[in-house]
C-alpha atoms as a PDB file:
ATOM      1  CA  MET A   1       4.489 -27.602  -4.632  1.00  0.00           C
ATOM      2  CA  LEU A   2       5.645 -27.741  -0.957  1.00  0.00           C
ATOM      3  CA  LYS A   3       3.280 -31.159  -1.050  1.00  0.00           C
ATOM      4  CA  LYS A   4       5.738 -32.792  -3.826  1.00  0.00           C
ATOM      5  CA  VAL A   5       8.907 -31.123  -2.976  1.00  0.00           C
ATOM      6  CA  PRO A   6       8.859 -30.601   0.834  1.00  0.00           C
ATOM      7  CA  GLU A   7      12.358 -30.395   1.339  1.00  0.00           C
ATOM      8  CA  ILE A   8      12.575 -26.798  -0.440  1.00  0.00           C
ATOM      9  CA  ALA A   9      10.481 -25.582   2.156  1.00  0.00           C
ATOM     10  CA  GLU A  10      12.797 -26.203   4.951  1.00  0.00           C
ATOM     11  CA  GLU A  11      15.783 -25.229   2.869  1.00  0.00           C
ATOM     12  CA  TYR A  12      14.131 -22.546   1.879  1.00  0.00           C
ATOM     13  CA  PHE A  13      11.804 -21.475   5.011  1.00  0.00           C
ATOM     14  CA  ASN A  14      10.565 -17.918   3.516  1.00  0.00           C
ATOM     15  CA  ILE A  15       9.137 -19.695  -0.089  1.00  0.00           C
ATOM     16  CA  ASN A  16       6.062 -20.267   2.543  1.00  0.00           C
ATOM     17  CA  GLU A  17       5.430 -16.605   2.913  1.00  0.00           C
ATOM     18  CA  LEU A  18       5.788 -15.577  -0.762  1.00  0.00           C
ATOM     19  CA  ILE A  19       2.766 -18.348  -1.160  1.00  0.00           C
ATOM     20  CA  ASN A  20       1.225 -16.379   1.283  1.00  0.00           C
ATOM     21  CA  VAL A  21       1.444 -13.020   0.165  1.00  0.00           C
ATOM     22  CA  LYS A  22       1.052 -14.222  -3.285  1.00  0.00           C
ATOM     23  CA  GLU A  23      -2.757 -14.889  -2.212  1.00  0.00           C
ATOM     24  CA  THR A  24      -3.279 -12.250  -0.771  1.00  0.00           C
ATOM     25  CA  ILE A  25      -2.181 -10.156  -3.546  1.00  0.00           C
ATOM     26  CA  VAL A  26      -3.875 -11.855  -6.475  1.00  0.00           C
ATOM     27  CA  PRO A  27      -5.783 -14.643  -4.881  1.00  0.00           C
ATOM     28  CA  ILE A  28      -6.544 -17.825  -7.017  1.00  0.00           C
ATOM     29  CA  LYS A  29     -10.486 -17.713  -6.851  1.00  0.00           C
ATOM     30  CA  SER A  30     -10.663 -13.755  -6.847  1.00  0.00           C
ATOM     31  CA  GLY A  31     -12.474 -11.960  -9.441  1.00  0.00           C
ATOM     32  CA  LEU A  32      -9.349  -9.470 -10.757  1.00  0.00           C
ATOM     33  CA  ARG A  33      -7.495 -13.073 -11.471  1.00  0.00           C
ATOM     34  CA  ASN A  34     -10.500 -14.446 -13.479  1.00  0.00           C
ATOM     35  CA  ASN A  35     -11.105 -11.148 -15.135  1.00  0.00           C
ATOM     36  CA  LEU A  36      -7.135 -11.238 -15.945  1.00  0.00           C
ATOM     37  CA  PHE A  37      -6.624 -15.112 -17.520  1.00  0.00           C
ATOM     38  CA  HIS A  38      -9.827 -15.766 -18.725  1.00  0.00           C
ATOM     39  CA  TYR A  39      -9.645 -12.087 -20.953  1.00  0.00           C
ATOM     40  CA  ASN A  40     -13.688 -11.967 -19.399  1.00  0.00           C
ATOM     41  CA  ILE A  41     -14.920  -8.896 -17.574  1.00  0.00           C
ATOM     42  CA  VAL A  42     -17.760  -9.581 -14.802  1.00  0.00           C
ATOM     43  CA  ASN A  43     -18.803  -7.945 -11.315  1.00  0.00           C
ATOM     44  CA  ILE A  44     -17.303  -4.605 -12.430  1.00  0.00           C
ATOM     45  CA  PRO A  45     -19.934  -2.307 -12.912  1.00  0.00           C
ATOM     46  CA  PHE A  46     -19.544  -0.370 -16.407  1.00  0.00           C
ATOM     47  CA  GLY A  47     -19.768   3.182 -15.236  1.00  0.00           C
ATOM     48  CA  VAL A  48     -16.863   2.173 -13.282  1.00  0.00           C
ATOM     49  CA  PHE A  49     -14.947   2.948 -16.599  1.00  0.00           C
ATOM     50  CA  ASP A  50     -13.506   5.945 -18.205  1.00  0.00           C
ATOM     51  CA  GLU A  51     -13.354   5.973 -21.191  1.00  0.00           C
ATOM     52  CA  LYS A  52     -10.026   8.236 -21.622  1.00  0.00           C
ATOM     53  CA  ARG A  53      -8.158   5.922 -19.091  1.00  0.00           C
ATOM     54  CA  ASP A  54      -7.079   2.673 -19.591  1.00  0.00           C
ATOM     55  CA  ILE A  55      -9.329   0.430 -19.288  1.00  0.00           C
ATOM     56  CA  PHE A  56      -7.077  -2.540 -17.751  1.00  0.00           C
ATOM     57  CA  LYS A  57      -5.334  -0.061 -15.101  1.00  0.00           C
ATOM     58  CA  GLN A  58      -9.301   0.468 -14.279  1.00  0.00           C
ATOM     59  CA  MET A  59     -10.424  -2.593 -14.117  1.00  0.00           C
ATOM     60  CA  VAL A  60      -7.228  -3.735 -11.459  1.00  0.00           C
ATOM     61  CA  GLU A  61      -8.077  -0.556  -9.387  1.00  0.00           C
ATOM     62  CA  TYR A  62     -11.677  -1.664  -9.023  1.00  0.00           C
ATOM     63  CA  SER A  63     -10.608  -5.138  -7.994  1.00  0.00           C
ATOM     64  CA  VAL A  64      -7.785  -4.039  -5.335  1.00  0.00           C
ATOM     65  CA  LYS A  65      -9.484  -1.157  -3.800  1.00  0.00           C
ATOM     66  CA  GLY A  66      -6.417   0.890  -4.569  1.00  0.00           C
ATOM     67  CA  SER A  67      -4.304   2.477  -7.221  1.00  0.00           C
ATOM     68  CA  PHE A  68      -2.695   1.022 -10.127  1.00  0.00           C
ATOM     69  CA  GLU A  69       0.813   1.891  -9.359  1.00  0.00           C
ATOM     70  CA  ASP A  70       0.303   0.717  -5.139  1.00  0.00           C
ATOM     71  CA  PHE A  71      -0.660  -2.175  -6.768  1.00  0.00           C
ATOM     72  CA  ASP A  72       2.272  -2.512  -9.569  1.00  0.00           C
ATOM     73  CA  ASN A  73       4.630  -1.997  -6.962  1.00  0.00           C
ATOM     74  CA  GLN A  74       3.991  -4.835  -4.657  1.00  0.00           C
ATOM     75  CA  VAL A  75       4.044  -7.442  -7.660  1.00  0.00           C
ATOM     76  CA  ASP A  76       7.162  -6.012  -9.053  1.00  0.00           C
ATOM     77  CA  LYS A  77       8.387  -6.254  -5.122  1.00  0.00           C
ATOM     78  CA  GLU A  78       7.306  -9.785  -4.270  1.00  0.00           C
ATOM     79  CA  LEU A  79       8.532 -10.494  -7.966  1.00  0.00           C
ATOM     80  CA  ASP A  80      12.009  -9.593  -7.337  1.00  0.00           C
ATOM     81  CA  LYS A  81      11.583 -11.781  -3.801  1.00  0.00           C
ATOM     82  CA  TYR A  82      10.652 -14.585  -5.910  1.00  0.00           C
ATOM     83  CA  GLN A  83      13.958 -13.869  -8.397  1.00  0.00           C
ATOM     84  CA  GLU A  84      16.253 -14.160  -5.135  1.00  0.00           C
ATOM     85  CA  LEU A  85      14.773 -17.492  -3.740  1.00  0.00           C
ATOM     86  CA  ILE A  86      15.013 -19.028  -7.626  1.00  0.00           C
ATOM     87  CA  ASN A  87      18.787 -17.987  -7.878  1.00  0.00           C
ATOM     88  CA  GLN A  88      19.271 -19.464  -4.462  1.00  0.00           C
ATOM     89  CA  ILE A  89      17.984 -22.523  -5.691  1.00  0.00           C
ATOM     90  CA  LEU A  90      20.279 -23.048  -9.133  1.00  0.00           C
ATOM     91  CA  PHE A  91      23.197 -21.376  -8.116  1.00  0.00           C
END
C-alpha cells in the first residue's frame, strides 16, 4: 500500500508502525492466518484440543503460545489504532 500511495506514510507516519505490529500479531505466512482464513486446521496436534473448550480459542492459543484473551485484547487495541487513523484520513 505504501508503495502505491507514499504520501500517506509521510502525512500519517504511524501507518508504518501499524503495519509492522500487524505483521507480528498475524504474519502473512503464519499457520494461524492460514488456519483462520483457509478453514483448514493444519500443524496443530489433535491432542491439543479439549472437546469441552472452544476449539477456535484453543487453536489461537496454540498458535500464539499465549492466552486467547491476551491475543484478543492486543487485536482490539490495534484495531482501535486503525480506526483512529482512518478517521484522521477521512475526516
